[in-house]
Amino acid sequence: MTQNEMIDQFKKQLEEVVTKIKELDQELNLKKEEYFKLTGAVQALELAVKESESPTTGGTIADTTPAAPPADGMVQPPATTGIVQ
């Protein structure tokens, strides 16, 4: 294989890698969006359960906003079933 053939082959591989990175980035962004929607749904349901168990009269609602996720956007949900991690 000549150097020019190797260059062409590497350029082709580079294009394939860039395409794959773009696909994975799009998939990651969709998963992040799903994560935030599910987090919001869980928070809303937990709040609804609390309110139905002990209705408040003019009290304040505690801030249950979770800590910001790491840069990659994915965090393991907290264990709520008593499972030791």
C-alpha atoms as a PDB file:
ATOM      1  CA  MET A   1       0.000   0.000   0.000  1.00  0.00           C
ATOM      2  CA  THR A   2       1.422   3.365  -1.005  1.00  0.00           C
ATOM      3  CA  GLN A   3       1.447   6.417   1.192  1.00  0.00           C
ATOM      4  CA  ASN A   4      -1.231   8.081  -0.920  1.00  0.00           C
ATOM      5  CA  GLU A   5      -3.466   5.020  -0.570  1.00  0.00           C
ATOM      6  CA  MET A   6      -2.911   5.080   3.178  1.00  0.00           C
ATOM      7  CA  ILE A   7      -3.797   8.767   3.306  1.00  0.00           C
ATOM      8  CA  ASP A   8      -7.005   8.122   1.370  1.00  0.00           C
ATOM      9  CA  GLN A   9      -7.884   5.190   3.626  1.00  0.00           C
ATOM     10  CA  PHE A  10      -7.278   7.228   6.788  1.00  0.00           C
ATOM     11  CA  LYS A  11      -9.362  10.124   5.450  1.00  0.00           C
ATOM     12  CA  LYS A  12     -12.212   7.721   4.777  1.00  0.00           C
ATOM     13  CA  GLN A  13     -11.939   6.300   8.299  1.00  0.00           C
ATOM     14  CA  LEU A  14     -11.857   9.822   9.713  1.00  0.00           C
ATOM     15  CA  GLU A  15     -15.078  10.729   7.903  1.00  0.00           C
ATOM     16  CA  GLU A  16     -16.747   7.571   9.256  1.00  0.00           C
ATOM     17  CA  VAL A  17     -15.651   8.392  12.805  1.00  0.00           C
ATOM     18  CA  VAL A  18     -16.943  11.968  12.538  1.00  0.00           C
ATOM     19  CA  THR A  19     -20.291  10.675  11.275  1.00  0.00           C
ATOM     20  CA  LYS A  20     -20.523   8.207  14.147  1.00  0.00           C
ATOM     21  CA  ILE A  21     -19.641  10.911  16.699  1.00  0.00           C
ATOM     22  CA  LYS A  22     -22.437  13.112  15.334  1.00  0.00           C
ATOM     23  CA  GLU A  23     -24.922  10.230  15.594  1.00  0.00           C
ATOM     24  CA  LEU A  24     -23.873   9.439  19.161  1.00  0.00           C
ATOM     25  CA  ASP A  25     -24.005  13.104  20.149  1.00  0.00           C
ATOM     26  CA  GLN A  26     -27.574  13.347  18.865  1.00  0.00           C
ATOM     27  CA  GLU A  27     -28.525  10.166  20.741  1.00  0.00           C
ATOM     28  CA  LEU A  28     -26.901  11.497  23.923  1.00  0.00           C
ATOM     29  CA  ASN A  29     -28.855  14.753  23.670  1.00  0.00           C
ATOM     30  CA  LEU A  30     -32.111  12.808  23.290  1.00  0.00           C
ATOM     31  CA  LYS A  31     -31.269  10.734  26.364  1.00  0.00           C
ATOM     32  CA  LYS A  32     -30.464  13.889  28.347  1.00  0.00           C
ATOM     33  CA  GLU A  33     -33.835  15.329  27.387  1.00  0.00           C
ATOM     34  CA  GLU A  34     -35.532  12.092  28.454  1.00  0.00           C
ATOM     35  CA  TYR A  35     -33.610  12.181  31.757  1.00  0.00           C
ATOM     36  CA  PHE A  36     -34.803  15.699  32.566  1.00  0.00           C
ATOM     37  CA  LYS A  37     -38.404  14.910  31.630  1.00  0.00           C
ATOM     38  CA  LEU A  38     -38.403  11.826  33.848  1.00  0.00           C
ATOM     39  CA  THR A  39     -36.797  13.752  36.698  1.00  0.00           C
ATOM     40  CA  GLY A  40     -39.506  16.394  36.438  1.00  0.00           C
ATOM     41  CA  ALA A  41     -42.236  13.765  36.353  1.00  0.00           C
ATOM     42  CA  VAL A  42     -40.863  12.053  39.464  1.00  0.00           C
ATOM     43  CA  GLN A  43     -40.633  15.369  41.311  1.00  0.00           C
ATOM     44  CA  ALA A  44     -44.181  16.319  40.349  1.00  0.00           C
ATOM     45  CA  LEU A  45     -45.562  12.974  41.475  1.00  0.00           C
ATOM     46  CA  GLU A  46     -43.615  13.058  44.744  1.00  0.00           C
ATOM     47  CA  LEU A  47     -44.974  16.542  45.417  1.00  0.00           C
ATOM     48  CA  ALA A  48     -48.517  15.405  44.618  1.00  0.00           C
ATOM     49  CA  VAL A  49     -48.163  12.476  47.024  1.00  0.00           C
ATOM     50  CA  LYS A  50     -46.874  14.749  49.801  1.00  0.00           C
ATOM     51  CA  GLU A  51     -49.705  17.205  49.266  1.00  0.00           C
ATOM     52  CA  SER A  52     -52.355  14.482  49.279  1.00  0.00           C
ATOM     53  CA  GLU A  53     -50.959  12.954  52.478  1.00  0.00           C
ATOM     54  CA  SER A  54     -50.757  16.212  54.410  1.00  0.00           C
ATOM     55  CA  PRO A  55     -52.475  19.164  52.768  1.00  0.00           C
ATOM     56  CA  THR A  56     -50.862  22.457  53.632  1.00  0.00           C
ATOM     57  CA  THR A  57     -52.621  25.684  54.367  1.00  0.00           C
ATOM     58  CA  GLY A  58     -50.490  28.529  53.232  1.00  0.00           C
ATOM     59  CA  GLY A  59     -47.169  26.829  53.990  1.00  0.00           C
ATOM     60  CA  THR A  60     -44.096  26.864  51.830  1.00  0.00           C
ATOM     61  CA  ILE A  61     -42.979  24.084  49.565  1.00  0.00           C
ATOM     62  CA  ALA A  62     -39.507  22.679  50.140  1.00  0.00           C
ATOM     63  CA  ASP A  63     -37.074  22.880  47.241  1.00  0.00           C
ATOM     64  CA  THR A  64     -36.613  19.331  45.956  1.00  0.00           C
ATOM     65  CA  THR A  65     -34.607  20.263  42.893  1.00  0.00           C
ATOM     66  CA  PRO A  66     -31.820  17.700  42.446  1.00  0.00           C
ATOM     67  CA  ALA A  67     -28.221  18.757  42.188  1.00  0.00           C
ATOM     68  CA  ALA A  68     -27.028  19.593  38.691  1.00  0.00           C
ATOM     69  CA  PRO A  69     -25.918  16.490  36.784  1.00  0.00           C
ATOM     70  CA  PRO A  70     -22.296  16.050  35.771  1.00  0.00           C
ATOM     71  CA  ALA A  71     -21.089  17.416  32.452  1.00  0.00           C
ATOM     72  CA  ASP A  72     -22.192  14.307  30.571  1.00  0.00           C
ATOM     73  CA  GLY A  73     -25.718  14.761  31.953  1.00  0.00           C
ATOM     74  CA  MET A  74     -26.103  11.276  33.297  1.00  0.00           C
ATOM     75  CA  VAL A  75     -26.360  10.475  36.975  1.00  0.00           C
ATOM     76  CA  GLN A  76     -27.486   7.376  38.785  1.00  0.00           C
ATOM     77  CA  PRO A  77     -30.832   7.954  40.488  1.00  0.00           C
ATOM     78  CA  PRO A  78     -30.772   7.773  44.282  1.00  0.00           C
ATOM     79  CA  ALA A  79     -31.721   4.448  45.816  1.00  0.00           C
ATOM     80  CA  THR A  80     -35.169   4.672  47.353  1.00  0.00           C
ATOM     81  CA  THR A  81     -35.750   0.992  48.027  1.00  0.00           C
ATOM     82  CA  GLY A  82     -33.185   0.512  50.763  1.00  0.00           C
ATOM     83  CA  ILE A  83     -30.655  -1.103  48.463  1.00  0.00           C
ATOM     84  CA  VAL A  84     -27.106  -0.488  49.594  1.00  0.00           C
ATOM     85  CA  GLN A  85     -24.929   0.799  46.783  1.00  0.00           C
END
